[in-house]
Amino acid sequence: MKRFKEKAKKILNIDNITSEELLEEIKRNKDSYEIKNLIDEYIDNLIIGLSNVIDIFEPEAISFGGSFVYFKDLFYEKLVTEMQKRKYTFNKDDVPKIVLAELKNDAGMIGAIL
């Protein structure tokens, strides 16, 4: 996600902006060629990485937390759809369920406390 944000800032030619402001700028420019390509590239790379994790660990579900949850409008549906279409996994017939952490960005912190 960090690299995605850095590339988006470079494409949009902005600095010193919060993640929330960046998200709004990306949404405003989501139809631009560069932003569309950046989102597609991010999803492609994420699918490859997830496929490797799925092949190694064979999970029943994968949960996303952190910044990904805030960018769900841009990524989530596309990720789930593309994962189902491509099926890069070798050890599983079905792609595990992909869910968003209910605790959003606080999930890791709360888990560490427990």
Protein backbone atom coordinates (compact mmCIF):
# COMPACT_ATOMS: atom_id res chain seq x y z
CA MET A 1 0.00 0.00 0.00
CA LYS A 2 2.89 2.34 0.78
CA ARG A 3 4.27 2.05 -2.74
CA PHE A 4 0.79 2.58 -4.21
CA LYS A 5 0.39 5.79 -2.22
CA GLU A 6 3.85 7.01 -3.23
CA LYS A 7 3.15 6.37 -6.91
CA ALA A 8 -0.28 8.00 -6.68
CA LYS A 9 1.26 11.13 -5.12
CA LYS A 10 3.81 11.26 -7.92
CA ILE A 11 1.15 10.83 -10.63
CA LEU A 12 -1.08 13.47 -9.04
CA ASN A 13 1.92 15.71 -8.39
CA ILE A 14 1.12 16.28 -4.71
CA ASP A 15 3.14 16.17 -1.48
CA ASN A 16 2.40 16.54 2.22
CA ILE A 17 -1.09 15.11 2.11
CA THR A 18 -2.91 12.79 4.51
CA SER A 19 -4.12 9.36 3.44
CA GLU A 20 -7.72 10.55 3.58
CA GLU A 21 -6.95 13.51 1.32
CA LEU A 22 -4.99 11.26 -1.02
CA LEU A 23 -7.91 8.87 -1.25
CA GLU A 24 -10.23 11.74 -2.19
CA GLU A 25 -7.78 12.94 -4.87
CA ILE A 26 -7.50 9.42 -6.30
CA LYS A 27 -11.29 9.09 -6.39
CA ARG A 28 -11.56 12.45 -8.18
CA ASN A 29 -9.03 11.26 -10.76
CA LYS A 30 -9.99 7.58 -10.92
CA ASP A 31 -10.89 7.82 -14.59
CA SER A 32 -7.47 9.13 -15.60
CA TYR A 33 -5.31 6.74 -17.57
CA GLU A 34 -2.42 6.85 -15.08
CA ILE A 35 -4.58 6.20 -12.02
CA LYS A 36 -6.44 3.35 -13.74
CA ASN A 37 -3.12 1.76 -14.67
CA LEU A 38 -1.77 2.23 -11.14
CA ILE A 39 -4.84 0.52 -9.64
CA ASP A 40 -4.60 -2.32 -12.18
CA GLU A 41 -0.90 -2.77 -11.45
CA TYR A 42 -1.54 -2.83 -7.70
CA ILE A 43 -4.31 -5.44 -8.09
CA ASP A 44 -2.16 -7.58 -10.42
CA ASN A 45 0.74 -7.62 -7.97
CA LEU A 46 -1.57 -8.28 -5.02
CA ILE A 47 -3.16 -11.23 -6.80
CA ILE A 48 0.22 -12.79 -7.51
CA GLY A 49 1.31 -12.36 -3.89
CA LEU A 50 -1.99 -13.68 -2.51
CA SER A 51 -1.86 -16.67 -4.84
CA ASN A 52 1.54 -17.60 -3.44
CA VAL A 53 0.29 -17.28 0.15
CA ILE A 54 -2.79 -19.36 -0.71
CA ASP A 55 -0.64 -22.08 -2.28
CA ILE A 56 1.66 -22.24 0.74
CA PHE A 57 -0.82 -21.98 3.62
CA GLU A 58 -4.14 -23.02 2.02
CA PRO A 59 -6.25 -20.66 4.17
CA GLU A 60 -10.04 -20.74 4.24
CA ALA A 61 -10.20 -16.95 4.37
CA ILE A 62 -7.95 -13.93 3.98
CA SER A 63 -8.63 -10.76 5.91
CA PHE A 64 -7.39 -7.32 4.90
CA GLY A 65 -6.92 -4.57 7.45
CA GLY A 66 -4.91 -1.39 7.64
CA SER A 67 -4.99 1.16 4.85
CA PHE A 68 -6.51 -1.34 2.43
CA VAL A 69 -9.83 -1.04 4.26
CA TYR A 70 -9.97 2.69 3.63
CA PHE A 71 -9.21 2.17 -0.06
CA LYS A 72 -11.78 -0.64 -0.39
CA ASP A 73 -13.91 1.33 -2.84
CA LEU A 74 -11.00 1.29 -5.29
CA PHE A 75 -9.67 -2.22 -4.69
CA TYR A 76 -11.93 -4.70 -2.96
CA GLU A 77 -14.50 -5.63 -5.62
CA LYS A 78 -11.89 -5.65 -8.37
CA LEU A 79 -9.58 -7.84 -6.27
CA VAL A 80 -12.29 -10.40 -5.48
CA THR A 81 -13.52 -10.49 -9.08
CA GLU A 82 -10.05 -10.86 -10.57
CA MET A 83 -9.02 -13.52 -8.02
CA GLN A 84 -12.05 -15.60 -9.02
CA LYS A 85 -11.37 -15.11 -12.75
CA ARG A 86 -7.65 -15.79 -12.82
CA LYS A 87 -7.32 -18.64 -10.34
CA TYR A 88 -3.54 -18.55 -10.09
CA THR A 89 -3.62 -21.00 -7.21
CA PHE A 90 -2.42 -24.55 -7.71
CA ASN A 91 -3.26 -26.34 -4.45
CA LYS A 92 -6.86 -25.19 -4.08
CA ASP A 93 -9.83 -25.47 -6.40
CA ASP A 94 -11.56 -22.45 -4.90
CA VAL A 95 -10.17 -19.08 -3.92
CA PRO A 96 -10.51 -18.49 -0.17
CA LYS A 97 -13.03 -15.97 1.05
CA ILE A 98 -11.55 -12.46 1.04
CA VAL A 99 -12.90 -10.22 3.80
CA LEU A 100 -12.17 -6.81 5.26
CA ALA A 101 -11.17 -6.49 8.91
CA GLU A 102 -14.09 -5.16 10.94
CA LEU A 103 -11.67 -3.27 13.19
CA LYS A 104 -10.12 -1.62 10.13
CA ASN A 105 -6.74 -0.01 10.85
CA ASP A 106 -6.96 -0.80 14.58
CA ALA A 107 -7.02 -4.59 14.11
CA GLY A 108 -3.25 -5.09 14.54
CA MET A 109 -3.03 -2.83 17.55
CA ILE A 110 -5.94 -4.52 19.31
CA GLY A 111 -4.55 -7.96 18.47
CA ALA A 112 -1.17 -7.01 19.92
CA ILE A 113 -2.79 -5.95 23.18
CA LEU A 114 -4.66 -9.23 23.52
